[in-house]
Amino acid sequence: MKHEIREHDGATVVALTGDIDLQNSPEARKVLLSCVEMKRPVLVDLSGVGYIDSSGVASLVESLQMARKSGSKLALVAVSDSARRVLGLARLDKVFTICATVEEGLSKVR
């Protein structure tokens, strides 16, 4: 798994690529939580994620919970088909704000 962090119109965009599995989820968790700690809106770009397992999903859920506790917002953007299937199976597609593009995500987290 690789990640890229960039600022975009007042939000932090975290682009994750590759597989987010038991081996890589601790790194994903660390990256996401550090971005949420900045108390700015966070957009998690999952367009490059080929596979995500329950440990990766747990990292996303923990980040969302932390964002909500801190009064910030977190949304998933450009979610790959494989990641969307996993989120749908866990019914988390109803819990997360999921947007097609970064621009749409920005409008949802402001």
N, C-alpha and C. Protein backbone atom coordinates (compact mmCIF):
# COMPACT_ATOMS: atom_id res chain seq x y z
N MET A 1 0.83 -1.18 0.00
CA MET A 1 0.00 0.00 0.00
C MET A 1 0.87 1.24 0.00
N LYS A 2 0.44 2.22 -0.76
CA LYS A 2 1.10 3.52 -0.79
C LYS A 2 0.06 4.57 -0.45
N HIS A 3 0.54 5.73 -0.02
CA HIS A 3 -0.38 6.82 0.25
C HIS A 3 0.23 8.15 -0.18
N GLU A 4 -0.65 9.07 -0.50
CA GLU A 4 -0.25 10.43 -0.85
C GLU A 4 -1.20 11.37 -0.12
N ILE A 5 -0.64 12.37 0.52
CA ILE A 5 -1.45 13.35 1.24
C ILE A 5 -1.27 14.70 0.56
N ARG A 6 -2.39 15.36 0.28
CA ARG A 6 -2.31 16.68 -0.32
C ARG A 6 -3.44 17.55 0.24
N GLU A 7 -3.27 18.83 0.15
CA GLU A 7 -4.29 19.78 0.57
C GLU A 7 -5.07 20.21 -0.67
N HIS A 8 -6.38 20.35 -0.49
CA HIS A 8 -7.23 20.76 -1.62
C HIS A 8 -8.38 21.58 -1.07
N ASP A 9 -8.36 22.87 -1.33
CA ASP A 9 -9.44 23.78 -0.93
C ASP A 9 -9.86 23.62 0.53
N GLY A 10 -8.89 23.63 1.42
CA GLY A 10 -9.19 23.58 2.85
C GLY A 10 -9.42 22.20 3.43
N ALA A 11 -9.27 21.16 2.62
CA ALA A 11 -9.44 19.79 3.10
C ALA A 11 -8.14 19.02 2.86
N THR A 12 -7.97 17.96 3.62
CA THR A 12 -6.85 17.06 3.42
C THR A 12 -7.34 15.88 2.60
N VAL A 13 -6.68 15.60 1.49
CA VAL A 13 -7.03 14.46 0.65
C VAL A 13 -5.95 13.39 0.85
N VAL A 14 -6.39 12.22 1.27
CA VAL A 14 -5.49 11.09 1.47
C VAL A 14 -5.82 10.07 0.38
N ALA A 15 -4.89 9.88 -0.55
CA ALA A 15 -5.08 8.90 -1.62
C ALA A 15 -4.35 7.62 -1.23
N LEU A 16 -5.10 6.55 -1.06
CA LEU A 16 -4.53 5.25 -0.74
C LEU A 16 -4.53 4.40 -2.00
N THR A 17 -3.44 3.69 -2.26
CA THR A 17 -3.36 2.82 -3.42
C THR A 17 -2.80 1.47 -3.02
N GLY A 18 -3.19 0.45 -3.76
CA GLY A 18 -2.74 -0.90 -3.48
C GLY A 18 -3.74 -1.63 -2.60
N ASP A 19 -3.24 -2.64 -1.89
CA ASP A 19 -4.09 -3.44 -1.02
C ASP A 19 -4.03 -2.92 0.40
N ILE A 20 -5.19 -2.85 1.04
CA ILE A 20 -5.25 -2.49 2.45
C ILE A 20 -5.71 -3.73 3.20
N ASP A 21 -4.73 -4.48 3.68
CA ASP A 21 -5.01 -5.75 4.33
C ASP A 21 -4.33 -5.77 5.70
N LEU A 22 -4.32 -6.94 6.32
CA LEU A 22 -3.77 -7.06 7.67
C LEU A 22 -2.34 -6.55 7.76
N GLN A 23 -1.57 -6.74 6.72
CA GLN A 23 -0.18 -6.29 6.71
C GLN A 23 -0.07 -4.77 6.60
N ASN A 24 -0.94 -4.15 5.81
CA ASN A 24 -0.83 -2.72 5.52
C ASN A 24 -1.79 -1.83 6.31
N SER A 25 -2.81 -2.40 6.92
CA SER A 25 -3.80 -1.57 7.60
C SER A 25 -3.23 -0.75 8.77
N PRO A 26 -2.20 -1.24 9.51
CA PRO A 26 -1.65 -0.36 10.56
C PRO A 26 -1.09 0.95 10.00
N GLU A 27 -0.46 0.88 8.84
CA GLU A 27 0.06 2.10 8.21
C GLU A 27 -1.10 3.00 7.76
N ALA A 28 -2.12 2.40 7.16
CA ALA A 28 -3.29 3.18 6.72
C ALA A 28 -3.94 3.86 7.93
N ARG A 29 -4.08 3.12 9.01
CA ARG A 29 -4.68 3.65 10.25
C ARG A 29 -3.88 4.85 10.74
N LYS A 30 -2.57 4.70 10.81
CA LYS A 30 -1.69 5.77 11.29
C LYS A 30 -1.81 7.02 10.43
N VAL A 31 -1.80 6.84 9.12
CA VAL A 31 -1.90 7.97 8.19
C VAL A 31 -3.25 8.67 8.35
N LEU A 32 -4.33 7.89 8.36
CA LEU A 32 -5.67 8.47 8.45
C LEU A 32 -5.89 9.20 9.77
N LEU A 33 -5.49 8.57 10.87
CA LEU A 33 -5.70 9.21 12.18
C LEU A 33 -4.86 10.48 12.32
N SER A 34 -3.66 10.49 11.77
CA SER A 34 -2.85 11.71 11.85
C SER A 34 -3.49 12.85 11.05
N CYS A 35 -4.13 12.52 9.95
CA CYS A 35 -4.83 13.54 9.17
C CYS A 35 -6.08 14.04 9.89
N VAL A 36 -6.81 13.14 10.51
CA VAL A 36 -8.02 13.52 11.24
C VAL A 36 -7.65 14.40 12.44
N GLU A 37 -6.51 14.14 13.07
CA GLU A 37 -6.07 14.93 14.23
C GLU A 37 -5.87 16.40 13.89
N MET A 38 -5.67 16.73 12.62
CA MET A 38 -5.49 18.12 12.22
C MET A 38 -6.80 18.91 12.29
N LYS A 39 -7.91 18.21 12.52
CA LYS A 39 -9.23 18.81 12.68
C LYS A 39 -9.65 19.63 11.46
N ARG A 40 -9.30 19.10 10.30
CA ARG A 40 -9.76 19.64 9.03
C ARG A 40 -10.55 18.55 8.35
N PRO A 41 -11.40 18.90 7.42
CA PRO A 41 -12.11 17.85 6.67
C PRO A 41 -11.12 16.93 5.96
N VAL A 42 -11.43 15.64 5.95
CA VAL A 42 -10.55 14.64 5.33
C VAL A 42 -11.34 13.91 4.25
N LEU A 43 -10.76 13.84 3.07
CA LEU A 43 -11.31 13.06 1.98
C LEU A 43 -10.37 11.89 1.72
N VAL A 44 -10.90 10.68 1.76
CA VAL A 44 -10.08 9.49 1.55
C VAL A 44 -10.37 8.97 0.15
N ASP A 45 -9.38 9.10 -0.72
CA ASP A 45 -9.51 8.69 -2.12
C ASP A 45 -9.14 7.21 -2.21
N LEU A 46 -10.12 6.38 -2.52
CA LEU A 46 -9.91 4.93 -2.60
C LEU A 46 -9.91 4.42 -4.05
N SER A 47 -9.70 5.31 -5.00
CA SER A 47 -9.76 4.90 -6.41
C SER A 47 -8.66 3.90 -6.76
N GLY A 48 -7.55 3.94 -6.06
CA GLY A 48 -6.44 3.05 -6.37
C GLY A 48 -6.36 1.81 -5.50
N VAL A 49 -7.40 1.56 -4.72
CA VAL A 49 -7.39 0.40 -3.83
C VAL A 49 -7.92 -0.82 -4.58
N GLY A 50 -7.07 -1.83 -4.69
CA GLY A 50 -7.47 -3.05 -5.38
C GLY A 50 -8.17 -4.04 -4.47
N TYR A 51 -7.82 -4.00 -3.18
CA TYR A 51 -8.38 -4.96 -2.22
C TYR A 51 -8.36 -4.32 -0.84
N ILE A 52 -9.43 -4.51 -0.09
CA ILE A 52 -9.48 -4.05 1.29
C ILE A 52 -10.15 -5.15 2.11
N ASP A 53 -9.55 -5.50 3.25
CA ASP A 53 -10.15 -6.52 4.10
C ASP A 53 -10.72 -5.86 5.36
N SER A 54 -11.16 -6.69 6.30
CA SER A 54 -11.82 -6.16 7.50
C SER A 54 -10.90 -5.27 8.33
N SER A 55 -9.60 -5.54 8.33
CA SER A 55 -8.69 -4.69 9.09
C SER A 55 -8.58 -3.30 8.44
N GLY A 56 -8.62 -3.26 7.13
CA GLY A 56 -8.62 -1.98 6.42
C GLY A 56 -9.90 -1.21 6.65
N VAL A 57 -11.01 -1.93 6.63
CA VAL A 57 -12.30 -1.30 6.90
C VAL A 57 -12.32 -0.76 8.33
N ALA A 58 -11.76 -1.51 9.27
CA ALA A 58 -11.70 -1.06 10.67
C ALA A 58 -10.91 0.24 10.79
N SER A 59 -9.85 0.39 10.00
CA SER A 59 -9.08 1.63 10.02
C SER A 59 -9.92 2.81 9.53
N LEU A 60 -10.72 2.57 8.49
CA LEU A 60 -11.61 3.62 7.99
C LEU A 60 -12.66 3.99 9.03
N VAL A 61 -13.25 2.97 9.66
CA VAL A 61 -14.30 3.21 10.66
C VAL A 61 -13.73 3.99 11.86
N GLU A 62 -12.56 3.58 12.33
CA GLU A 62 -11.94 4.29 13.46
C GLU A 62 -11.66 5.74 13.10
N SER A 63 -11.22 5.99 11.90
CA SER A 63 -10.96 7.36 11.46
C SER A 63 -12.25 8.18 11.41
N LEU A 64 -13.31 7.57 10.94
CA LEU A 64 -14.61 8.25 10.91
C LEU A 64 -15.08 8.58 12.33
N GLN A 65 -14.95 7.62 13.23
CA GLN A 65 -15.36 7.85 14.62
C GLN A 65 -14.56 8.99 15.25
N MET A 66 -13.26 9.00 15.01
CA MET A 66 -12.41 10.05 15.57
C MET A 66 -12.78 11.41 14.98
N ALA A 67 -13.05 11.44 13.69
CA ALA A 67 -13.45 12.70 13.05
C ALA A 67 -14.74 13.22 13.67
N ARG A 68 -15.69 12.34 13.87
CA ARG A 68 -16.97 12.76 14.46
C ARG A 68 -16.78 13.27 15.88
N LYS A 69 -15.94 12.60 16.66
CA LYS A 69 -15.69 13.03 18.04
C LYS A 69 -15.03 14.40 18.09
N SER A 70 -14.18 14.68 17.13
CA SER A 70 -13.46 15.95 17.13
C SER A 70 -14.24 17.06 16.43
N GLY A 71 -15.40 16.73 15.90
CA GLY A 71 -16.22 17.74 15.22
C GLY A 71 -15.80 17.99 13.79
N SER A 72 -14.97 17.11 13.25
CA SER A 72 -14.52 17.24 11.87
C SER A 72 -15.36 16.32 10.99
N LYS A 73 -15.07 16.32 9.71
CA LYS A 73 -15.81 15.46 8.78
C LYS A 73 -14.85 14.64 7.96
N LEU A 74 -15.31 13.46 7.57
CA LEU A 74 -14.54 12.54 6.74
C LEU A 74 -15.46 11.95 5.70
N ALA A 75 -15.00 11.91 4.46
CA ALA A 75 -15.78 11.30 3.39
C ALA A 75 -14.86 10.44 2.53
N LEU A 76 -15.44 9.43 1.92
CA LEU A 76 -14.71 8.57 0.98
C LEU A 76 -15.03 9.06 -0.42
N VAL A 77 -14.00 9.13 -1.26
CA VAL A 77 -14.21 9.60 -2.63
C VAL A 77 -13.62 8.63 -3.63
N ALA A 78 -14.22 8.59 -4.81
CA ALA A 78 -13.73 7.77 -5.93
C ALA A 78 -13.45 6.34 -5.49
N VAL A 79 -14.38 5.76 -4.78
CA VAL A 79 -14.19 4.41 -4.21
C VAL A 79 -14.16 3.37 -5.33
N SER A 80 -13.11 2.56 -5.33
CA SER A 80 -12.98 1.51 -6.34
C SER A 80 -14.12 0.50 -6.20
N ASP A 81 -14.40 -0.22 -7.27
CA ASP A 81 -15.48 -1.21 -7.25
C ASP A 81 -15.26 -2.26 -6.16
N SER A 82 -14.03 -2.74 -6.03
CA SER A 82 -13.78 -3.79 -5.03
C SER A 82 -13.97 -3.26 -3.61
N ALA A 83 -13.52 -2.04 -3.33
CA ALA A 83 -13.72 -1.46 -2.01
C ALA A 83 -15.20 -1.18 -1.76
N ARG A 84 -15.91 -0.74 -2.79
CA ARG A 84 -17.35 -0.46 -2.64
C ARG A 84 -18.12 -1.74 -2.31
N ARG A 85 -17.72 -2.87 -2.92
CA ARG A 85 -18.39 -4.14 -2.61
C ARG A 85 -18.22 -4.52 -1.15
N VAL A 86 -17.00 -4.38 -0.64
CA VAL A 86 -16.73 -4.72 0.76
C VAL A 86 -17.52 -3.79 1.69
N LEU A 87 -17.52 -2.52 1.40
CA LEU A 87 -18.28 -1.57 2.23
C LEU A 87 -19.77 -1.88 2.17
N GLY A 88 -20.25 -2.27 1.00
CA GLY A 88 -21.66 -2.62 0.85
C GLY A 88 -22.04 -3.87 1.62
N LEU A 89 -21.17 -4.88 1.59
CA LEU A 89 -21.43 -6.12 2.33
C LEU A 89 -21.54 -5.86 3.82
N ALA A 90 -20.73 -4.92 4.31
CA ALA A 90 -20.76 -4.59 5.74
C ALA A 90 -21.79 -3.51 6.04
N ARG A 91 -22.52 -3.09 5.01
CA ARG A 91 -23.53 -2.02 5.11
C ARG A 91 -22.93 -0.69 5.56
N LEU A 92 -21.65 -0.54 5.36
CA LEU A 92 -20.98 0.71 5.72
C LEU A 92 -21.15 1.77 4.65
N ASP A 93 -21.68 1.37 3.50
CA ASP A 93 -21.98 2.36 2.47
C ASP A 93 -23.11 3.28 2.92
N LYS A 94 -23.82 2.88 3.99
CA LYS A 94 -24.87 3.73 4.57
C LYS A 94 -24.32 4.59 5.70
N VAL A 95 -23.14 4.26 6.20
CA VAL A 95 -22.54 4.97 7.33
C VAL A 95 -21.61 6.08 6.84
N PHE A 96 -20.80 5.77 5.84
CA PHE A 96 -19.85 6.74 5.30
C PHE A 96 -20.54 7.64 4.27
N THR A 97 -20.05 8.86 4.18
CA THR A 97 -20.39 9.72 3.06
C THR A 97 -19.48 9.29 1.92
N ILE A 98 -20.08 8.83 0.83
CA ILE A 98 -19.32 8.34 -0.31
C ILE A 98 -19.64 9.21 -1.52
N CYS A 99 -18.59 9.76 -2.12
CA CYS A 99 -18.76 10.68 -3.24
C CYS A 99 -17.97 10.19 -4.45
N ALA A 100 -18.43 10.55 -5.62
CA ALA A 100 -17.80 10.11 -6.86
C ALA A 100 -16.47 10.82 -7.12
N THR A 101 -16.37 12.10 -6.71
CA THR A 101 -15.18 12.89 -7.00
C THR A 101 -14.73 13.67 -5.77
N VAL A 102 -13.52 14.17 -5.83
CA VAL A 102 -13.00 15.01 -4.75
C VAL A 102 -13.84 16.27 -4.63
N GLU A 103 -14.22 16.86 -5.75
CA GLU A 103 -15.01 18.09 -5.73
C GLU A 103 -16.36 17.86 -5.04
N GLU A 104 -17.01 16.74 -5.35
CA GLU A 104 -18.27 16.41 -4.69
C GLU A 104 -18.04 16.21 -3.19
N GLY A 105 -16.94 15.54 -2.85
CA GLY A 105 -16.60 15.32 -1.45
C GLY A 105 -16.40 16.63 -0.72
N LEU A 106 -15.74 17.59 -1.36
CA LEU A 106 -15.54 18.89 -0.74
C LEU A 106 -16.86 19.56 -0.41
N SER A 107 -17.81 19.45 -1.32
CA SER A 107 -19.11 20.09 -1.04
C SER A 107 -19.83 19.40 0.12
N LYS A 108 -19.57 18.13 0.35
CA LYS A 108 -20.24 17.39 1.43
C LYS A 108 -19.59 17.63 2.80
N VAL A 109 -18.29 17.93 2.83
CA VAL A 109 -17.61 18.06 4.12
C VAL A 109 -17.49 19.51 4.59
N ARG A 110 -17.95 20.43 3.80
CA ARG A 110 -17.88 21.84 4.22
C ARG A 110 -19.04 22.21 5.09
